[in-house]
Amino acid sequence: MKIAFVGKGGSGKTTLSSLFIRHLAAGAAPVVAVDADINQHLGAALGLDPAAAAELPALGAHLPLIKDYLRGSNPRIASADTMIKTTPPGAGSRLLRVVEDNPVYAACGRRIALDGGAALLMATGPFTEADLGVACYHSKVGAVELCLNHLADGPDEYVVVDMTAGSDSFASGMFTRFDMTFLVAEPTLKGVSVYRQYKEYARDFGVALRVVGNKVQGPDDLDFLRAEVGDDLLVAFGQSDWVRAMEKGRPADFALLEEGNRLALRALQDAVDERYVLRDWAKYTEQMVHFHLRNAESWGNAKTGADLSAQVDPGFVLREEPAAVSPPRSPLPAPQPA
């Protein structure tokens, strides 16, 4: 199950996504965590010290490896150089699974120990000085979108993506790649403004969107959120001494998180799990192809010098079965304590 956390900058989406990842890991669920925010803070929120967080390999830096691996023996893709962020899989493509060893995870991921379990952490990489004036951040998240397009995940497996702030996610088709999108909103007018944008943009694509209130201090804050977002409000998180300690680099045992906030995390997982029976792989593949054709016509064909519409395999539907080309086994680093 693929989950995105979005929201206004400063709303606490990174904090809540890290809590959700810890919650899943504590329950021994397989988890892949992805930091796709322009401000890379997920590693620190999961307990990595600054030096370890800075050493996380950047997905964008390994894009040639990712493309070459996912391409597999797909005859519709002439070379990895003709693959763009929206290139869909087809017969012969290699797919990614949440629980497996593969060269992409080995090169781009780090397994970290969390609260009795573990998570594989990956990051797009920060916006560097070399990017200033010559690149947009969406070029960084292209590797994430390509991986999500080739991900055949199943029930009780989780990919949690901490997205960039605001409504920038709509600059690509990645916003349709998730089973559930949690929009983190503070009980303020600015806090719910991103919700309105997301709601409007996502309406035509069937994006499952639920609001998670954060920094809720009392009944008045809760009433405000209910009035502004209605039935889309799923749960609300209040003030947390555990989070305050975590942000100071001194987290307590995760089992000591306040009961109300632990119940809220359980509600998030229940909402995600309920979406599994509604999953429509044919529609998911159709949306993937839709955005690929739009990107091909807009810029992809000119950039690669190829007709990228030919990459679409009309008979292929992404689903949970193993990949057409079995991925080779490769060693992954052992979990390291966060």
Protein backbone atom coordinates (compact mmCIF):
# COMPACT_ATOMS: atom_id res chain seq x y z
CA MET A 1 0.00 0.00 0.00
CA LYS A 2 1.39 3.37 -1.04
CA ILE A 3 0.82 6.37 1.22
CA ALA A 4 1.69 10.04 0.71
CA PHE A 5 1.91 12.70 3.39
CA VAL A 6 1.34 16.21 2.06
CA GLY A 7 0.57 19.59 3.58
CA LYS A 8 1.62 23.18 4.00
CA GLY A 9 5.21 23.83 4.96
CA GLY A 10 5.52 23.64 8.73
CA SER A 11 2.29 21.69 9.17
CA GLY A 12 4.15 18.72 10.64
CA LYS A 13 3.81 16.28 7.73
CA THR A 14 7.38 15.02 8.14
CA THR A 15 6.83 14.49 11.86
CA LEU A 16 3.57 12.61 11.29
CA SER A 17 4.94 10.55 8.43
CA SER A 18 7.87 9.53 10.65
CA LEU A 19 5.47 8.58 13.45
CA PHE A 20 3.44 6.49 11.02
CA ILE A 21 6.59 4.75 9.78
CA ARG A 22 7.60 4.01 13.38
CA HIS A 23 4.10 2.71 14.10
CA LEU A 24 4.24 0.32 11.12
CA ALA A 25 7.75 -0.85 12.00
CA ALA A 26 6.72 -1.46 15.61
CA GLY A 27 4.03 -3.79 14.27
CA ALA A 28 6.64 -5.68 12.20
CA ALA A 29 5.15 -4.50 8.89
CA PRO A 30 7.47 -4.26 5.88
CA VAL A 31 8.07 -0.54 5.24
CA VAL A 32 9.85 1.47 2.57
CA ALA A 33 10.15 5.13 3.58
CA VAL A 34 10.93 7.80 0.98
CA ASP A 35 11.93 11.40 1.65
CA ALA A 36 10.68 13.27 -1.43
CA ASP A 37 10.57 16.72 0.18
CA ILE A 38 12.78 19.56 -1.02
CA ASN A 39 13.81 19.94 2.62
CA GLN A 40 15.24 16.56 3.59
CA HIS A 41 14.28 15.95 7.23
CA LEU A 42 12.71 12.47 7.27
CA GLY A 43 15.98 10.73 8.16
CA ALA A 44 16.47 12.99 11.18
CA ALA A 45 12.84 12.47 12.22
CA LEU A 46 13.50 8.73 12.16
CA GLY A 47 16.45 9.16 14.49
CA LEU A 48 19.47 9.45 12.21
CA ASP A 49 22.12 11.86 13.37
CA PRO A 50 22.92 14.75 10.97
CA ALA A 51 26.02 13.07 9.55
CA ALA A 52 24.21 9.79 8.84
CA ALA A 53 21.24 11.62 7.31
CA ALA A 54 23.57 13.60 5.05
CA GLU A 55 25.20 10.39 3.85
CA LEU A 56 21.95 8.90 2.55
CA PRO A 57 22.44 8.10 -1.16
CA ALA A 58 20.37 10.28 -3.48
CA LEU A 59 17.93 8.48 -5.75
CA GLY A 60 18.50 11.06 -8.47
CA ALA A 61 22.22 10.32 -8.48
CA HIS A 62 21.48 6.67 -9.30
CA LEU A 63 18.91 7.32 -12.02
CA PRO A 64 20.93 5.53 -14.77
CA LEU A 65 21.11 2.40 -12.59
CA ILE A 66 17.40 2.62 -11.76
CA LYS A 67 16.43 2.99 -15.42
CA ASP A 68 18.68 0.18 -16.59
CA TYR A 69 17.36 -2.19 -13.94
CA LEU A 70 13.66 -1.42 -14.44
CA ARG A 71 13.94 -1.58 -18.22
CA GLY A 72 14.83 -5.26 -18.03
CA SER A 73 14.24 -6.89 -21.41
CA ASN A 74 11.27 -4.72 -22.37
CA PRO A 75 11.51 -4.60 -26.18
CA ARG A 76 9.52 -1.36 -26.35
CA ILE A 77 12.28 0.59 -24.61
CA ALA A 78 15.24 0.95 -26.96
CA SER A 79 17.63 2.07 -24.25
CA ALA A 80 17.66 3.35 -20.70
CA ASP A 81 18.44 6.79 -22.14
CA THR A 82 14.94 6.96 -23.61
CA MET A 83 13.24 6.33 -20.27
CA ILE A 84 11.69 9.33 -18.53
CA LYS A 85 10.06 9.65 -15.11
CA THR A 86 6.66 8.52 -16.44
CA THR A 87 7.81 5.55 -18.52
CA PRO A 88 5.38 2.72 -17.71
CA PRO A 89 6.33 -0.94 -17.32
CA GLY A 90 5.46 -3.51 -19.94
CA ALA A 91 6.22 -7.10 -20.82
CA GLY A 92 9.85 -7.75 -19.91
CA SER A 93 10.15 -4.87 -17.45
CA ARG A 94 11.47 -5.55 -13.98
CA LEU A 95 9.09 -4.66 -11.17
CA LEU A 96 9.94 -3.69 -7.62
CA ARG A 97 8.49 -5.41 -4.56
CA VAL A 98 8.48 -4.03 -1.05
CA VAL A 99 10.08 -7.17 0.36
CA GLU A 100 13.00 -8.19 -1.83
CA ASP A 101 16.67 -7.61 -2.49
CA ASN A 102 17.43 -5.70 -5.69
CA PRO A 103 20.14 -3.38 -7.04
CA VAL A 104 17.92 -0.30 -6.64
CA TYR A 105 17.45 -0.84 -2.91
CA ALA A 106 21.10 -1.81 -2.49
CA ALA A 107 22.35 1.37 -4.15
CA CYS A 108 19.74 3.86 -2.94
CA GLY A 109 18.43 2.55 0.38
CA ARG A 110 19.57 2.21 3.94
CA ARG A 111 17.89 -0.14 6.38
CA ILE A 112 17.44 1.39 9.80
CA ALA A 113 16.27 -0.27 12.98
CA LEU A 114 13.09 1.25 14.39
CA ASP A 115 11.18 0.34 17.54
CA GLY A 116 11.53 -3.41 17.28
CA GLY A 117 11.24 -3.46 13.49
CA ALA A 118 13.02 -1.88 10.55
CA ALA A 119 12.40 0.30 7.53
CA LEU A 120 14.23 0.80 4.26
CA LEU A 121 14.86 4.54 3.94
CA MET A 122 15.46 6.24 0.60
CA ALA A 123 15.77 9.93 -0.28
CA THR A 124 15.61 12.00 -3.44
CA GLY A 125 18.57 14.02 -2.26
CA PRO A 126 18.73 17.71 -1.35
CA PHE A 127 18.58 20.64 -3.72
CA THR A 128 22.27 21.40 -4.21
CA GLU A 129 24.20 24.50 -5.18
CA ALA A 130 24.84 22.94 -8.59
CA ASP A 131 21.07 22.87 -9.20
CA LEU A 132 20.55 26.57 -8.54
CA GLY A 133 19.22 28.36 -11.62
CA VAL A 134 19.37 25.31 -13.86
CA ALA A 135 17.00 22.71 -12.43
CA CYS A 136 13.65 22.39 -10.73
CA TYR A 137 13.03 20.09 -7.81
CA HIS A 138 10.64 17.96 -9.84
CA SER A 139 13.68 16.60 -11.68
CA LYS A 140 14.76 15.19 -8.30
CA VAL A 141 11.53 13.31 -7.63
CA GLY A 142 11.44 11.78 -11.10
CA ALA A 143 13.30 8.74 -9.78
CA VAL A 144 10.61 8.26 -7.13
CA GLU A 145 7.83 8.43 -9.72
CA LEU A 146 9.62 5.93 -11.95
CA CYS A 147 10.01 3.51 -9.03
CA LEU A 148 6.35 3.89 -8.02
CA ASN A 149 5.31 3.17 -11.62
CA HIS A 150 7.17 -0.14 -11.39
CA LEU A 151 6.10 -1.09 -7.85
CA ALA A 152 3.92 -4.19 -7.47
CA ASP A 153 3.07 -3.88 -3.79
CA GLY A 154 0.63 -6.03 -1.88
CA PRO A 155 -1.51 -5.89 1.26
CA ASP A 156 0.24 -5.40 4.60
CA GLU A 157 3.24 -3.89 2.77
CA TYR A 158 3.74 -0.16 3.01
CA VAL A 159 5.55 2.55 1.07
CA VAL A 160 5.35 5.89 2.88
CA VAL A 161 6.40 9.01 0.98
CA ASP A 162 7.00 12.36 2.65
CA MET A 163 6.10 14.69 -0.24
CA THR A 164 7.20 18.23 -0.96
CA ALA A 165 5.16 20.95 0.73
CA GLY A 166 2.13 22.67 -0.77
CA SER A 167 0.50 21.70 -4.04
CA ASP A 168 3.77 21.25 -5.97
CA SER A 169 3.06 17.51 -6.18
CA PHE A 170 0.64 18.26 -9.01
CA ALA A 171 3.50 19.26 -11.30
CA SER A 172 3.75 15.54 -12.16
CA GLY A 173 1.44 12.55 -12.21
CA MET A 174 2.94 11.22 -9.00
CA PHE A 175 -0.08 12.41 -7.00
CA THR A 176 -2.09 9.56 -8.57
CA ARG A 177 0.41 6.89 -7.49
CA PHE A 178 -0.92 6.45 -3.96
CA ASP A 179 -3.62 4.32 -2.37
CA MET A 180 -4.07 7.01 0.27
CA THR A 181 -2.98 10.62 0.59
CA PHE A 182 -2.93 12.08 4.09
CA LEU A 183 -3.08 15.86 4.08
CA VAL A 184 -1.72 17.25 7.33
CA ALA A 185 -3.52 20.45 8.31
CA GLU A 186 -3.15 22.79 11.25
CA PRO A 187 -6.37 24.37 12.59
CA THR A 188 -5.82 27.66 10.76
CA LEU A 189 -7.06 29.15 7.50
CA LYS A 190 -3.59 28.78 5.99
CA GLY A 191 -3.50 25.25 7.29
CA VAL A 192 -6.57 24.18 5.33
CA SER A 193 -5.78 26.19 2.18
CA VAL A 194 -3.60 23.41 0.74
CA TYR A 195 -6.44 20.97 1.42
CA ARG A 196 -8.77 22.97 -0.82
CA GLN A 197 -6.20 23.02 -3.62
CA TYR A 198 -5.54 19.31 -3.31
CA LYS A 199 -9.24 18.50 -3.18
CA GLU A 200 -9.92 20.45 -6.35
CA TYR A 201 -6.95 19.14 -8.34
CA ALA A 202 -7.43 15.51 -7.28
CA ARG A 203 -11.18 15.33 -7.84
CA ASP A 204 -11.01 14.14 -11.46
CA PHE A 205 -8.46 11.42 -10.72
CA GLY A 206 -10.14 9.56 -7.89
CA VAL A 207 -7.37 10.32 -5.40
CA ALA A 208 -8.24 9.06 -1.92
CA LEU A 209 -7.68 12.06 0.35
CA ARG A 210 -8.09 12.24 4.12
CA VAL A 211 -7.20 15.14 6.38
CA VAL A 212 -5.06 14.61 9.47
CA GLY A 213 -5.34 17.47 11.94
CA ASN A 214 -2.13 18.41 13.70
CA LYS A 215 -1.24 20.72 16.60
CA VAL A 216 -4.84 20.51 17.79
CA GLN A 217 -5.02 21.97 21.27
CA GLY A 218 -8.68 21.64 22.18
CA PRO A 219 -12.33 21.29 21.11
CA ASP A 220 -12.34 24.67 19.36
CA ASP A 221 -9.49 23.62 17.07
CA LEU A 222 -11.25 20.34 16.31
CA ASP A 223 -14.54 22.10 15.58
CA PHE A 224 -12.72 24.46 13.22
CA LEU A 225 -11.23 21.61 11.21
CA ARG A 226 -14.55 19.79 11.03
CA ALA A 227 -16.25 22.94 9.75
CA GLU A 228 -13.56 23.49 7.11
CA VAL A 229 -12.97 19.98 5.76
CA GLY A 230 -16.09 18.07 6.79
CA ASP A 231 -16.05 14.29 6.55
CA ASP A 232 -12.56 14.31 5.05
CA LEU A 233 -11.18 14.81 8.57
CA LEU A 234 -9.96 11.42 9.75
CA VAL A 235 -8.11 12.03 13.02
CA ALA A 236 -6.35 14.79 14.91
CA PHE A 237 -3.04 14.81 16.75
CA GLY A 238 -2.60 16.89 19.85
CA GLN A 239 0.47 18.21 21.60
CA SER A 240 3.04 15.51 22.31
CA ASP A 241 5.81 15.45 24.88
CA TRP A 242 7.20 12.39 23.05
CA VAL A 243 7.50 14.39 19.80
CA ARG A 244 9.09 17.31 21.65
CA ALA A 245 11.74 14.97 23.04
CA MET A 246 12.26 13.39 19.62
CA GLU A 247 12.79 16.80 18.02
CA LYS A 248 15.47 17.48 20.64
CA GLY A 249 17.21 14.25 19.67
CA ARG A 250 16.17 12.45 22.86
CA PRO A 251 13.24 10.21 21.89
CA ALA A 252 11.79 7.88 24.48
CA ASP A 253 10.71 4.33 23.71
CA PHE A 254 8.02 4.53 21.04
CA ALA A 255 5.65 2.55 23.27
CA LEU A 256 5.54 5.63 25.50
CA LEU A 257 3.91 7.79 22.84
CA GLU A 258 0.68 9.23 24.23
CA GLU A 259 -2.29 6.87 23.99
CA GLY A 260 -4.41 9.30 22.00
CA ASN A 261 -1.70 9.73 19.39
CA ARG A 262 -1.08 5.97 19.24
CA LEU A 263 -4.78 5.43 18.57
CA ALA A 264 -4.64 8.09 15.85
CA LEU A 265 -1.80 6.22 14.14
CA ARG A 266 -3.83 3.01 14.30
CA ALA A 267 -6.70 4.88 12.62
CA LEU A 268 -4.37 5.94 9.81
CA GLN A 269 -3.32 2.34 9.23
CA ASP A 270 -6.93 1.14 9.29
CA ALA A 271 -7.89 3.76 6.69
CA VAL A 272 -5.02 2.64 4.45
CA ASP A 273 -5.80 -1.06 4.81
CA GLU A 274 -9.44 -0.47 3.93
CA ARG A 275 -8.36 0.91 0.55
CA TYR A 276 -6.85 -2.39 -0.51
CA VAL A 277 -10.16 -3.95 -1.51
CA LEU A 278 -10.85 -0.87 -3.67
CA ARG A 279 -7.56 -1.04 -5.54
CA ASP A 280 -8.06 -0.99 -9.32
CA TRP A 281 -4.84 -1.97 -11.06
CA ALA A 282 -6.34 -1.35 -14.52
CA LYS A 283 -7.23 2.23 -13.63
CA TYR A 284 -3.85 2.70 -11.96
CA THR A 285 -2.10 1.58 -15.16
CA GLU A 286 -4.41 3.73 -17.29
CA GLN A 287 -3.52 6.85 -15.30
CA MET A 288 0.16 5.98 -15.58
CA VAL A 289 -0.13 5.79 -19.36
CA HIS A 290 -2.19 9.01 -19.46
CA PHE A 291 0.52 11.06 -17.78
CA HIS A 292 3.27 9.36 -19.77
CA LEU A 293 1.67 10.34 -23.07
CA ARG A 294 1.17 13.91 -21.85
CA ASN A 295 4.80 14.17 -20.77
CA ALA A 296 6.03 12.56 -23.98
CA GLU A 297 4.18 15.11 -26.11
CA SER A 298 5.06 18.07 -23.90
CA TRP A 299 8.82 17.52 -23.58
CA GLY A 300 9.87 13.87 -23.53
CA ASN A 301 9.93 13.22 -27.29
CA ALA A 302 12.00 16.34 -27.94
CA LYS A 303 14.42 15.58 -25.12
CA THR A 304 15.08 11.95 -26.05
CA GLY A 305 14.65 12.18 -29.82
CA ALA A 306 12.29 9.21 -29.72
CA ASP A 307 8.55 8.61 -29.96
CA LEU A 308 7.89 7.72 -26.33
CA SER A 309 4.29 6.75 -27.00
CA ALA A 310 5.76 3.55 -28.46
CA GLN A 311 6.86 2.59 -24.93
CA VAL A 312 3.24 1.90 -23.95
CA ASP A 313 2.41 -1.80 -23.91
CA PRO A 314 -1.36 -1.85 -24.60
CA GLY A 315 -1.79 -5.36 -23.20
CA PHE A 316 0.04 -4.78 -19.94
CA VAL A 317 -1.66 -4.16 -16.59
CA LEU A 318 0.48 -3.70 -13.50
CA ARG A 319 -0.54 -6.10 -10.75
CA GLU A 320 0.84 -7.95 -7.74
CA GLU A 321 2.24 -10.97 -9.54
CA PRO A 322 6.04 -11.33 -9.66
CA ALA A 323 7.88 -9.40 -12.34
CA ALA A 324 8.19 -10.83 -15.83
CA VAL A 325 11.97 -10.80 -15.34
CA SER A 326 12.98 -12.22 -11.98
CA PRO A 327 15.22 -9.73 -10.14
CA PRO A 328 18.62 -11.01 -9.12
CA ARG A 329 19.39 -11.27 -5.46
CA SER A 330 21.83 -8.72 -4.10
CA PRO A 331 22.96 -8.11 -0.55
CA LEU A 332 21.49 -5.21 1.41
CA PRO A 333 23.16 -3.49 4.31
CA ALA A 334 22.09 -4.83 7.69
CA PRO A 335 19.69 -2.66 9.71
CA GLN A 336 21.49 0.08 11.56
CA PRO A 337 20.19 1.60 14.75
CA ALA A 338 18.63 5.02 14.26
